[in-house]
Amino acid sequence: MNRFFEWIKERNFFSILRKNRGAVQGAATLMTNVHVWNFFKGTIYTGAAKQVCVPGLNCYSCPGATGACPIGSFQAVVGSSKFNFSYYIIGILILFGTLTGRLICGFLCPFGWFQDLLHKIPTKKLSTENLKYLRYLKYVILLVFVWFLGVLIVNKAGGSDPYFCKYICPQGILEGGIPLAIANASIRATLGKLFTWKFIILLSFVVLSIFFYRPFCKWICPLGAFYSLFNKVSFYKYHVDESLCVHCGKCKRTCKMDVDMSSNQSALECIRCGKCVDACPTGAISTSLSGCASCKNKAKNNNQS
């Protein structure tokens, strides 16, 4: 395993990812939605691969979706009349989180990329520094709407609704509801108040994303909330060399997720985008895969190469 870590570090693998983050996000979105032709047919892919969870928030109902959204999959299990704890879904989420923490949010989530693109629209940008208390809302949503309501509120058949996907998630209406309604006349005929409600939620986050950086990721996303819990223990880690850090505050000013890397390298809000690494004037911030001791020692020298 250490040889594998060494091989990755020697090739500056994560440095290359950081420098090409936009391209990586686009490629990840395409790879999780390869069935592009279904957008024209108004149908969704239902093959065997749909049983596999993708890392990011990508709606199962998206015509192009290759796999299943882990949040949607978890709710499907919780809402089943024959509910059993899903070791596969929880296991795959723990695996993703343990390997990279919230790097998935920064590089592999289609809805995260969508918000990034919206934020590039030229206009005055607003800070979320004074809205930090809203970050805890996503943990409430994870516990209540993703899990608790599905267990507590059941119908006569013993099942329950996927409350987050059905009533909150804007990705579902963006990737699933709107494309299917455009291409399929029978689906258009069934649209009602729920579609209107979800469209309003999506429109709200579209507008907010233009002015605020990733409002959905910061305040609402239960998948980001789950992955954030692994930032402290993930293999992929950030480091600050105190002998080089001059505490100039540039990393904090650069971070759009309101993280001060100089004081907290395992912050729950950090999406591992690497902006702070590039912004540091002394090269004090570095990354490595834990378990690779020599990587940590050499990180500050190879970090920006």
C-alpha atoms as a PDB file:
ATOM      1  CA  MET A   1       0.000   0.000   0.000  1.00  0.00           C
ATOM      2  CA  ASN A   2       2.824   2.407   0.828  1.00  0.00           C
ATOM      3  CA  ARG A   3       4.330   1.786  -2.617  1.00  0.00           C
ATOM      4  CA  PHE A   4       1.006   2.761  -4.175  1.00  0.00           C
ATOM      5  CA  PHE A   5       0.935   5.995  -2.150  1.00  0.00           C
ATOM      6  CA  GLU A   6       4.533   6.697  -3.169  1.00  0.00           C
ATOM      7  CA  TRP A   7       3.707   6.110  -6.835  1.00  0.00           C
ATOM      8  CA  ILE A   8       0.845   8.612  -6.715  1.00  0.00           C
ATOM      9  CA  LYS A   9       2.875  11.238  -4.901  1.00  0.00           C
ATOM     10  CA  GLU A  10       5.934  10.912  -7.113  1.00  0.00           C
ATOM     11  CA  ARG A  11       3.793  11.789 -10.095  1.00  0.00           C
ATOM     12  CA  ASN A  12       2.214  14.778  -8.304  1.00  0.00           C
ATOM     13  CA  PHE A  13      -1.159  13.176  -8.975  1.00  0.00           C
ATOM     14  CA  PHE A  14      -3.190  15.505  -6.754  1.00  0.00           C
ATOM     15  CA  SER A  15      -1.296  18.552  -7.976  1.00  0.00           C
ATOM     16  CA  ILE A  16      -2.367  17.666 -11.517  1.00  0.00           C
ATOM     17  CA  LEU A  17      -5.969  17.219 -10.350  1.00  0.00           C
ATOM     18  CA  ARG A  18      -5.971  20.633  -8.678  1.00  0.00           C
ATOM     19  CA  LYS A  19      -4.604  22.379 -11.749  1.00  0.00           C
ATOM     20  CA  ASN A  20      -7.281  20.761 -13.927  1.00  0.00           C
ATOM     21  CA  ARG A  21     -10.173  20.819 -11.481  1.00  0.00           C
ATOM     22  CA  GLY A  22     -12.771  22.118 -13.937  1.00  0.00           C
ATOM     23  CA  ALA A  23     -11.903  19.437 -16.478  1.00  0.00           C
ATOM     24  CA  VAL A  24     -12.036  16.750 -13.778  1.00  0.00           C
ATOM     25  CA  GLN A  25     -15.486  17.952 -12.677  1.00  0.00           C
ATOM     26  CA  GLY A  26     -16.743  17.907 -16.246  1.00  0.00           C
ATOM     27  CA  ALA A  27     -15.322  14.438 -16.876  1.00  0.00           C
ATOM     28  CA  ALA A  28     -16.848  13.112 -13.631  1.00  0.00           C
ATOM     29  CA  THR A  29     -20.245  14.509 -14.603  1.00  0.00           C
ATOM     30  CA  LEU A  30     -20.032  12.887 -18.033  1.00  0.00           C
ATOM     31  CA  MET A  31     -18.881   9.555 -16.622  1.00  0.00           C
ATOM     32  CA  THR A  32     -21.843   9.440 -14.240  1.00  0.00           C
ATOM     33  CA  ASN A  33     -24.235  10.400 -17.066  1.00  0.00           C
ATOM     34  CA  VAL A  34     -22.934   8.560 -20.131  1.00  0.00           C
ATOM     35  CA  HIS A  35     -26.370   7.625 -21.515  1.00  0.00           C
ATOM     36  CA  VAL A  36     -26.747  10.984 -23.234  1.00  0.00           C
ATOM     37  CA  TRP A  37     -29.118   9.665 -25.914  1.00  0.00           C
ATOM     38  CA  ASN A  38     -31.782   9.047 -23.248  1.00  0.00           C
ATOM     39  CA  PHE A  39     -32.211  12.816 -22.897  1.00  0.00           C
ATOM     40  CA  PHE A  40     -33.722  12.804 -26.389  1.00  0.00           C
ATOM     41  CA  LYS A  41     -35.848   9.712 -25.792  1.00  0.00           C
ATOM     42  CA  GLY A  42     -37.250  10.848 -22.441  1.00  0.00           C
ATOM     43  CA  THR A  43     -36.359   7.579 -20.704  1.00  0.00           C
ATOM     44  CA  ILE A  44     -33.912   6.529 -18.002  1.00  0.00           C
ATOM     45  CA  TYR A  45     -31.289   3.809 -18.007  1.00  0.00           C
ATOM     46  CA  THR A  46     -32.331   0.824 -15.860  1.00  0.00           C
ATOM     47  CA  GLY A  47     -29.508  -1.634 -16.496  1.00  0.00           C
ATOM     48  CA  ALA A  48     -27.387  -3.529 -13.976  1.00  0.00           C
ATOM     49  CA  ALA A  49     -25.002  -0.603 -13.431  1.00  0.00           C
ATOM     50  CA  LYS A  50     -27.881   1.353 -11.901  1.00  0.00           C
ATOM     51  CA  GLN A  51     -27.454  -0.749  -8.767  1.00  0.00           C
ATOM     52  CA  VAL A  52     -24.003   0.763  -8.199  1.00  0.00           C
ATOM     53  CA  CYS A  53     -23.725   4.015  -6.220  1.00  0.00           C
ATOM     54  CA  VAL A  54     -21.802   6.890  -7.778  1.00  0.00           C
ATOM     55  CA  PRO A  55     -19.751   9.093  -5.392  1.00  0.00           C
ATOM     56  CA  GLY A  56     -21.534  12.426  -5.895  1.00  0.00           C
ATOM     57  CA  LEU A  57     -25.077  13.768  -5.871  1.00  0.00           C
ATOM     58  CA  ASN A  58     -26.452  12.552  -9.214  1.00  0.00           C
ATOM     59  CA  CYS A  59     -30.147  11.766  -9.547  1.00  0.00           C
ATOM     60  CA  TYR A  60     -31.211   8.192 -10.326  1.00  0.00           C
ATOM     61  CA  SER A  61     -34.002   9.628 -12.503  1.00  0.00           C
ATOM     62  CA  CYS A  62     -31.611  11.546 -14.735  1.00  0.00           C
ATOM     63  CA  PRO A  63     -32.007  10.137 -18.279  1.00  0.00           C
ATOM     64  CA  GLY A  64     -28.238   9.871 -18.636  1.00  0.00           C
ATOM     65  CA  ALA A  65     -27.454   8.531 -15.166  1.00  0.00           C
ATOM     66  CA  THR A  66     -25.040   5.603 -15.116  1.00  0.00           C
ATOM     67  CA  GLY A  67     -25.498   4.632 -11.460  1.00  0.00           C
ATOM     68  CA  ALA A  68     -27.560   5.485  -8.417  1.00  0.00           C
ATOM     69  CA  CYS A  69     -27.259   8.460  -6.094  1.00  0.00           C
ATOM     70  CA  PRO A  70     -26.138   7.199  -2.661  1.00  0.00           C
ATOM     71  CA  ILE A  71     -28.651   9.415  -0.844  1.00  0.00           C
ATOM     72  CA  GLY A  72     -31.500   8.215  -3.051  1.00  0.00           C
ATOM     73  CA  SER A  73     -30.390   4.604  -2.642  1.00  0.00           C
ATOM     74  CA  PHE A  74     -30.259   4.921   1.124  1.00  0.00           C
ATOM     75  CA  GLN A  75     -33.763   6.405   1.224  1.00  0.00           C
ATOM     76  CA  ALA A  76     -35.058   3.625  -1.026  1.00  0.00           C
ATOM     77  CA  VAL A  77     -33.816   1.067   1.488  1.00  0.00           C
ATOM     78  CA  VAL A  78     -35.113   3.001   4.504  1.00  0.00           C
ATOM     79  CA  GLY A  79     -38.484   3.503   2.809  1.00  0.00           C
ATOM     80  CA  SER A  80     -38.898  -0.148   1.882  1.00  0.00           C
ATOM     81  CA  SER A  81     -41.571  -2.180   3.654  1.00  0.00           C
ATOM     82  CA  LYS A  82     -38.864  -4.807   4.186  1.00  0.00           C
ATOM     83  CA  PHE A  83     -36.381  -2.328   5.618  1.00  0.00           C
ATOM     84  CA  ASN A  84     -32.974  -3.723   6.409  1.00  0.00           C
ATOM     85  CA  PHE A  85     -29.842  -1.782   7.241  1.00  0.00           C
ATOM     86  CA  SER A  86     -28.015  -1.355   3.948  1.00  0.00           C
ATOM     87  CA  TYR A  87     -24.446  -2.422   4.597  1.00  0.00           C
ATOM     88  CA  TYR A  88     -23.610  -1.936   0.918  1.00  0.00           C
ATOM     89  CA  ILE A  89     -24.749   1.704   0.698  1.00  0.00           C
ATOM     90  CA  ILE A  90     -23.329   2.722   4.064  1.00  0.00           C
ATOM     91  CA  GLY A  91     -20.186   0.756   3.302  1.00  0.00           C
ATOM     92  CA  ILE A  92     -19.598   2.458  -0.047  1.00  0.00           C
ATOM     93  CA  LEU A  93     -20.176   5.886   1.513  1.00  0.00           C
ATOM     94  CA  ILE A  94     -17.715   5.103   4.303  1.00  0.00           C
ATOM     95  CA  LEU A  95     -15.209   3.872   1.696  1.00  0.00           C
ATOM     96  CA  PHE A  96     -15.497   7.087  -0.337  1.00  0.00           C
ATOM     97  CA  GLY A  97     -15.275   9.210   2.794  1.00  0.00           C
ATOM     98  CA  THR A  98     -12.340   7.311   4.278  1.00  0.00           C
ATOM     99  CA  LEU A  99     -10.315   7.572   1.097  1.00  0.00           C
ATOM    100  CA  THR A 100     -10.820  11.256   0.296  1.00  0.00           C
ATOM    101  CA  GLY A 101     -13.126  13.038   2.746  1.00  0.00           C
ATOM    102  CA  ARG A 102     -14.948  15.883   0.990  1.00  0.00           C
ATOM    103  CA  LEU A 103     -12.639  15.831  -2.020  1.00  0.00           C
ATOM    104  CA  ILE A 104     -15.609  14.183  -3.748  1.00  0.00           C
ATOM    105  CA  CYS A 105     -17.599  17.404  -3.213  1.00  0.00           C
ATOM    106  CA  GLY A 106     -14.826  19.461  -4.766  1.00  0.00           C
ATOM    107  CA  PHE A 107     -14.051  17.246  -7.759  1.00  0.00           C
ATOM    108  CA  LEU A 108     -16.629  14.529  -8.421  1.00  0.00           C
ATOM    109  CA  CYS A 109     -20.082  15.947  -7.648  1.00  0.00           C
ATOM    110  CA  PRO A 110     -22.138  17.078 -10.688  1.00  0.00           C
ATOM    111  CA  PHE A 111     -24.282  19.484  -8.671  1.00  0.00           C
ATOM    112  CA  GLY A 112     -21.191  20.987  -7.090  1.00  0.00           C
ATOM    113  CA  TRP A 113     -19.816  21.635 -10.588  1.00  0.00           C
ATOM    114  CA  PHE A 114     -23.146  23.156 -11.641  1.00  0.00           C
ATOM    115  CA  GLN A 115     -22.918  25.635  -8.751  1.00  0.00           C
ATOM    116  CA  ASP A 116     -19.286  26.418  -9.604  1.00  0.00           C
ATOM    117  CA  LEU A 117     -20.282  27.289 -13.171  1.00  0.00           C
ATOM    118  CA  LEU A 118     -23.116  29.529 -11.980  1.00  0.00           C
ATOM    119  CA  HIS A 119     -20.754  31.342  -9.623  1.00  0.00           C
ATOM    120  CA  LYS A 120     -18.524  32.246 -12.571  1.00  0.00           C
ATOM    121  CA  ILE A 121     -21.267  34.505 -13.970  1.00  0.00           C
ATOM    122  CA  PRO A 122     -19.853  38.041 -13.692  1.00  0.00           C
ATOM    123  CA  THR A 123     -21.583  39.924 -10.891  1.00  0.00           C
ATOM    124  CA  LYS A 124     -20.886  41.112  -7.366  1.00  0.00           C
ATOM    125  CA  LYS A 125     -20.142  38.167  -5.074  1.00  0.00           C
ATOM    126  CA  LEU A 126     -21.396  37.986  -1.506  1.00  0.00           C
ATOM    127  CA  SER A 127     -19.621  36.371   1.434  1.00  0.00           C
ATOM    128  CA  THR A 128     -21.173  33.652   3.584  1.00  0.00           C
ATOM    129  CA  GLU A 129     -18.786  34.365   6.469  1.00  0.00           C
ATOM    130  CA  ASN A 130     -21.603  35.748   8.621  1.00  0.00           C
ATOM    131  CA  LEU A 131     -23.957  32.881   7.728  1.00  0.00           C
ATOM    132  CA  LYS A 132     -21.859  30.086   9.198  1.00  0.00           C
ATOM    133  CA  TYR A 133     -24.656  28.999  11.513  1.00  0.00           C
ATOM    134  CA  LEU A 134     -26.570  27.747   8.442  1.00  0.00           C
ATOM    135  CA  ARG A 135     -23.906  25.062   7.861  1.00  0.00           C
ATOM    136  CA  TYR A 136     -25.487  22.951  10.607  1.00  0.00           C
ATOM    137  CA  LEU A 137     -28.751  22.720   8.656  1.00  0.00           C
ATOM    138  CA  LYS A 138     -27.317  20.036   6.351  1.00  0.00           C
ATOM    139  CA  TYR A 139     -26.687  17.740   9.322  1.00  0.00           C
ATOM    140  CA  VAL A 140     -30.307  18.194  10.430  1.00  0.00           C
ATOM    141  CA  ILE A 141     -31.450  17.343   6.908  1.00  0.00           C
ATOM    142  CA  LEU A 142     -29.205  14.257   6.867  1.00  0.00           C
ATOM    143  CA  LEU A 143     -30.658  12.964  10.125  1.00  0.00           C
ATOM    144  CA  VAL A 144     -34.285  14.041   9.723  1.00  0.00           C
ATOM    145  CA  PHE A 145     -35.189  14.037   6.024  1.00  0.00           C
ATOM    146  CA  VAL A 146     -32.824  11.322   4.800  1.00  0.00           C
ATOM    147  CA  TRP A 147     -33.196   8.876   7.671  1.00  0.00           C
ATOM    148  CA  PHE A 148     -35.581   9.669  10.540  1.00  0.00           C
ATOM    149  CA  LEU A 149     -38.768  10.530   8.614  1.00  0.00           C
ATOM    150  CA  GLY A 150     -38.353   7.449   6.450  1.00  0.00           C
ATOM    151  CA  VAL A 151     -38.374   5.282   9.559  1.00  0.00           C
ATOM    152  CA  LEU A 152     -41.019   7.201  11.501  1.00  0.00           C
ATOM    153  CA  ILE A 153     -43.672   7.965   8.862  1.00  0.00           C
ATOM    154  CA  VAL A 154     -44.823   4.892   6.968  1.00  0.00           C
ATOM    155  CA  ASN A 155     -47.883   4.070   4.884  1.00  0.00           C
ATOM    156  CA  LYS A 156     -50.264   1.138   5.266  1.00  0.00           C
ATOM    157  CA  ALA A 157     -47.964  -1.068   3.228  1.00  0.00           C
ATOM    158  CA  GLY A 158     -45.095  -0.331   5.606  1.00  0.00           C
ATOM    159  CA  GLY A 159     -43.127   1.837   3.176  1.00  0.00           C
ATOM    160  CA  SER A 160     -42.310   5.541   3.176  1.00  0.00           C
ATOM    161  CA  ASP A 161     -41.471   8.384   0.805  1.00  0.00           C
ATOM    162  CA  PRO A 162     -37.899   9.443  -0.018  1.00  0.00           C
ATOM    163  CA  TYR A 163     -38.459  12.768   1.743  1.00  0.00           C
ATOM    164  CA  PHE A 164     -35.232  14.517   0.824  1.00  0.00           C
ATOM    165  CA  CYS A 165     -35.295  13.459  -2.840  1.00  0.00           C
ATOM    166  CA  LYS A 166     -39.006  14.115  -3.220  1.00  0.00           C
ATOM    167  CA  TYR A 167     -39.407  17.442  -1.425  1.00  0.00           C
ATOM    168  CA  ILE A 168     -35.972  19.121  -1.202  1.00  0.00           C
ATOM    169  CA  CYS A 169     -33.263  17.972  -3.615  1.00  0.00           C
ATOM    170  CA  PRO A 170     -32.897  20.427  -6.546  1.00  0.00           C
ATOM    171  CA  GLN A 171     -30.654  17.997  -8.425  1.00  0.00           C
ATOM    172  CA  GLY A 172     -33.638  15.708  -9.015  1.00  0.00           C
ATOM    173  CA  ILE A 173     -35.637  18.364 -10.830  1.00  0.00           C
ATOM    174  CA  LEU A 174     -32.570  19.633 -12.717  1.00  0.00           C
ATOM    175  CA  GLU A 175     -31.349  16.252 -13.967  1.00  0.00           C
ATOM    176  CA  GLY A 176     -34.563  14.250 -13.896  1.00  0.00           C
ATOM    177  CA  GLY A 177     -37.786  16.235 -13.791  1.00  0.00           C
ATOM    178  CA  ILE A 178     -37.035  18.927 -16.364  1.00  0.00           C
ATOM    179  CA  PRO A 179     -35.286  16.772 -19.033  1.00  0.00           C
ATOM    180  CA  LEU A 180     -37.933  14.045 -18.800  1.00  0.00           C
ATOM    181  CA  ALA A 181     -40.766  16.583 -18.991  1.00  0.00           C
ATOM    182  CA  ILE A 182     -39.234  18.213 -22.063  1.00  0.00           C
ATOM    183  CA  ALA A 183     -38.753  14.947 -23.944  1.00  0.00           C
ATOM    184  CA  ASN A 184     -41.789  12.961 -22.762  1.00  0.00           C
ATOM    185  CA  ALA A 185     -45.322  14.263 -23.380  1.00  0.00           C
ATOM    186  CA  SER A 186     -46.929  11.754 -21.000  1.00  0.00           C
ATOM    187  CA  ILE A 187     -44.736  13.006 -18.142  1.00  0.00           C
ATOM    188  CA  ARG A 188     -45.579  16.627 -18.976  1.00  0.00           C
ATOM    189  CA  ALA A 189     -49.259  15.777 -18.641  1.00  0.00           C
ATOM    190  CA  THR A 190     -48.782  14.616 -15.045  1.00  0.00           C
ATOM    191  CA  LEU A 191     -46.885  17.641 -13.732  1.00  0.00           C
ATOM    192  CA  GLY A 192     -48.439  19.272 -10.712  1.00  0.00           C
ATOM    193  CA  LYS A 193     -47.769  21.214  -7.539  1.00  0.00           C
ATOM    194  CA  LEU A 194     -44.805  19.070  -6.500  1.00  0.00           C
ATOM    195  CA  PHE A 195     -43.012  19.818  -9.764  1.00  0.00           C
ATOM    196  CA  THR A 196     -43.694  23.527  -9.262  1.00  0.00           C
ATOM    197  CA  TRP A 197     -42.383  23.383  -5.686  1.00  0.00           C
ATOM    198  CA  LYS A 198     -39.177  21.587  -6.706  1.00  0.00           C
ATOM    199  CA  PHE A 199     -38.689  23.995  -9.606  1.00  0.00           C
ATOM    200  CA  ILE A 200     -38.916  26.936  -7.184  1.00  0.00           C
ATOM    201  CA  ILE A 201     -36.261  25.303  -4.980  1.00  0.00           C
ATOM    202  CA  LEU A 202     -33.995  24.774  -7.986  1.00  0.00           C
ATOM    203  CA  LEU A 203     -34.493  28.341  -9.201  1.00  0.00           C
ATOM    204  CA  SER A 204     -33.701  29.650  -5.722  1.00  0.00           C
ATOM    205  CA  PHE A 205     -30.377  27.819  -5.631  1.00  0.00           C
ATOM    206  CA  VAL A 206     -29.554  28.887  -9.170  1.00  0.00           C
ATOM    207  CA  VAL A 207     -29.935  32.532  -8.148  1.00  0.00           C
ATOM    208  CA  LEU A 208     -28.147  32.050  -4.821  1.00  0.00           C
ATOM    209  CA  SER A 209     -25.244  30.252  -6.512  1.00  0.00           C
ATOM    210  CA  ILE A 210     -24.576  33.251  -8.722  1.00  0.00           C
ATOM    211  CA  PHE A 211     -23.992  35.491  -5.694  1.00  0.00           C
ATOM    212  CA  PHE A 212     -22.897  33.001  -3.006  1.00  0.00           C
ATOM    213  CA  TYR A 213     -20.377  30.201  -3.475  1.00  0.00           C
ATOM    214  CA  ARG A 214     -22.005  26.753  -3.320  1.00  0.00           C
ATOM    215  CA  PRO A 215     -24.962  27.562  -1.037  1.00  0.00           C
ATOM    216  CA  PHE A 216     -26.430  24.082  -1.448  1.00  0.00           C
ATOM    217  CA  CYS A 217     -23.150  22.410  -0.479  1.00  0.00           C
ATOM    218  CA  LYS A 218     -22.671  24.694   2.501  1.00  0.00           C
ATOM    219  CA  TRP A 219     -26.166  24.643   3.942  1.00  0.00           C
ATOM    220  CA  ILE A 220     -28.313  21.814   2.574  1.00  0.00           C
ATOM    221  CA  CYS A 221     -26.500  18.816   1.072  1.00  0.00           C
ATOM    222  CA  PRO A 222     -26.761  15.688   3.275  1.00  0.00           C
ATOM    223  CA  LEU A 223     -24.154  13.866   1.190  1.00  0.00           C
ATOM    224  CA  GLY A 224     -21.634  16.621   1.857  1.00  0.00           C
ATOM    225  CA  ALA A 225     -22.603  16.470   5.530  1.00  0.00           C
ATOM    226  CA  PHE A 226     -21.810  12.756   5.622  1.00  0.00           C
ATOM    227  CA  TYR A 227     -18.485  13.081   3.798  1.00  0.00           C
ATOM    228  CA  SER A 228     -17.445  16.011   5.993  1.00  0.00           C
ATOM    229  CA  LEU A 229     -17.354  13.711   9.005  1.00  0.00           C
ATOM    230  CA  PHE A 230     -14.393  11.912   7.392  1.00  0.00           C
ATOM    231  CA  ASN A 231     -12.186  14.944   6.761  1.00  0.00           C
ATOM    232  CA  LYS A 232     -10.398  14.310  10.038  1.00  0.00           C
ATOM    233  CA  VAL A 233      -9.691  10.633   9.336  1.00  0.00           C
ATOM    234  CA  SER A 234      -9.476  10.322   5.545  1.00  0.00           C
ATOM    235  CA  PHE A 235      -6.332   9.029   3.831  1.00  0.00           C
ATOM    236  CA  TYR A 236      -6.097  12.226   1.806  1.00  0.00           C
ATOM    237  CA  LYS A 237      -4.981  14.995   4.140  1.00  0.00           C
ATOM    238  CA  TYR A 238      -3.902  18.618   4.176  1.00  0.00           C
ATOM    239  CA  HIS A 239      -0.850  19.769   6.140  1.00  0.00           C
ATOM    240  CA  VAL A 240       0.530  23.142   7.203  1.00  0.00           C
ATOM    241  CA  ASP A 241       4.263  23.442   7.871  1.00  0.00           C
ATOM    242  CA  GLU A 242       4.434  25.789  10.846  1.00  0.00           C
ATOM    243  CA  SER A 243       8.071  26.603  10.065  1.00  0.00           C
ATOM    244  CA  LEU A 244       6.945  28.088   6.744  1.00  0.00           C
ATOM    245  CA  CYS A 245       3.526  29.516   7.651  1.00  0.00           C
ATOM    246  CA  VAL A 246       3.623  33.264   8.335  1.00  0.00           C
ATOM    247  CA  HIS A 247      -0.101  33.418   9.268  1.00  0.00           C
ATOM    248  CA  CYS A 248      -0.786  36.049   6.625  1.00  0.00           C
ATOM    249  CA  GLY A 249      -4.418  34.943   6.314  1.00  0.00           C
ATOM    250  CA  LYS A 250      -4.285  34.565   2.538  1.00  0.00           C
ATOM    251  CA  CYS A 251      -5.518  30.978   2.650  1.00  0.00           C
ATOM    252  CA  LYS A 252      -8.610  32.043   4.588  1.00  0.00           C
ATOM    253  CA  ARG A 253      -9.296  34.968   2.250  1.00  0.00           C
ATOM    254  CA  THR A 254      -8.922  32.674  -0.766  1.00  0.00           C
ATOM    255  CA  CYS A 255     -11.144  29.890   0.549  1.00  0.00           C
ATOM    256  CA  LYS A 256     -14.709  30.208  -0.706  1.00  0.00           C
ATOM    257  CA  MET A 257     -15.851  27.635   1.839  1.00  0.00           C
ATOM    258  CA  ASP A 258     -14.802  29.963   4.706  1.00  0.00           C
ATOM    259  CA  VAL A 259     -12.049  27.686   6.005  1.00  0.00           C
ATOM    260  CA  ASP A 260      -8.887  28.930   7.714  1.00  0.00           C
ATOM    261  CA  MET A 261      -6.428  26.242   6.633  1.00  0.00           C
ATOM    262  CA  SER A 262      -3.638  27.645   8.806  1.00  0.00           C
ATOM    263  CA  SER A 263      -5.587  26.806  11.950  1.00  0.00           C
ATOM    264  CA  ASN A 264      -7.651  23.783  10.923  1.00  0.00           C
ATOM    265  CA  GLN A 265      -6.478  21.347   8.252  1.00  0.00           C
ATOM    266  CA  SER A 266      -9.397  18.970   8.857  1.00  0.00           C
ATOM    267  CA  ALA A 267     -12.260  21.476   8.765  1.00  0.00           C
ATOM    268  CA  LEU A 268     -15.626  19.888   8.023  1.00  0.00           C
ATOM    269  CA  GLU A 269     -16.404  22.500   5.368  1.00  0.00           C
ATOM    270  CA  CYS A 270     -13.208  21.950   3.355  1.00  0.00           C
ATOM    271  CA  ILE A 271     -13.990  20.411  -0.056  1.00  0.00           C
ATOM    272  CA  ARG A 272     -10.284  19.811  -0.828  1.00  0.00           C
ATOM    273  CA  CYS A 273     -10.342  22.081  -3.886  1.00  0.00           C
ATOM    274  CA  GLY A 274      -6.711  23.133  -3.360  1.00  0.00           C
ATOM    275  CA  LYS A 275      -7.170  26.885  -3.837  1.00  0.00           C
ATOM    276  CA  CYS A 276      -5.335  27.504  -0.573  1.00  0.00           C
ATOM    277  CA  VAL A 277      -2.362  25.418  -1.749  1.00  0.00           C
ATOM    278  CA  ASP A 278      -1.928  27.592  -4.825  1.00  0.00           C
ATOM    279  CA  ALA A 279      -2.515  30.828  -2.898  1.00  0.00           C
ATOM    280  CA  CYS A 280      -0.019  30.226  -0.077  1.00  0.00           C
ATOM    281  CA  PRO A 281       2.936  32.615  -0.662  1.00  0.00           C
ATOM    282  CA  THR A 282       5.418  30.468   1.285  1.00  0.00           C
ATOM    283  CA  GLY A 283       4.346  26.987   0.135  1.00  0.00           C
ATOM    284  CA  ALA A 284       3.428  26.029   3.701  1.00  0.00           C
ATOM    285  CA  ILE A 285       0.266  24.129   2.717  1.00  0.00           C
ATOM    286  CA  SER A 286       0.666  20.661   1.269  1.00  0.00           C
ATOM    287  CA  THR A 287      -1.307  17.476   0.742  1.00  0.00           C
ATOM    288  CA  SER A 288      -0.496  13.818   1.121  1.00  0.00           C
ATOM    289  CA  LEU A 289      -1.977  10.388   1.509  1.00  0.00           C
ATOM    290  CA  SER A 290      -1.700   9.296   5.128  1.00  0.00           C
ATOM    291  CA  GLY A 291       0.336   6.171   5.592  1.00  0.00           C
ATOM    292  CA  CYS A 292       2.998   7.541   3.301  1.00  0.00           C
ATOM    293  CA  ALA A 293       5.474   9.029   5.759  1.00  0.00           C
ATOM    294  CA  SER A 294       7.995  10.106   3.155  1.00  0.00           C
ATOM    295  CA  CYS A 295       5.224  11.827   1.215  1.00  0.00           C
ATOM    296  CA  LYS A 296       4.480  14.022   4.213  1.00  0.00           C
ATOM    297  CA  ASN A 297       8.144  14.896   4.570  1.00  0.00           C
ATOM    298  CA  LYS A 298       8.527  15.771   0.902  1.00  0.00           C
ATOM    299  CA  ALA A 299       5.092  17.347   0.387  1.00  0.00           C
ATOM    300  CA  LYS A 300       6.126  20.924   0.976  1.00  0.00           C
ATOM    301  CA  ASN A 301       8.943  20.589  -1.567  1.00  0.00           C
ATOM    302  CA  ASN A 302       6.872  18.930  -4.285  1.00  0.00           C
ATOM    303  CA  ASN A 303       3.575  20.655  -3.543  1.00  0.00           C
ATOM    304  CA  GLN A 304       3.632  23.323  -6.226  1.00  0.00           C
ATOM    305  CA  SER A 305       5.841  21.584  -8.779  1.00  0.00           C
END
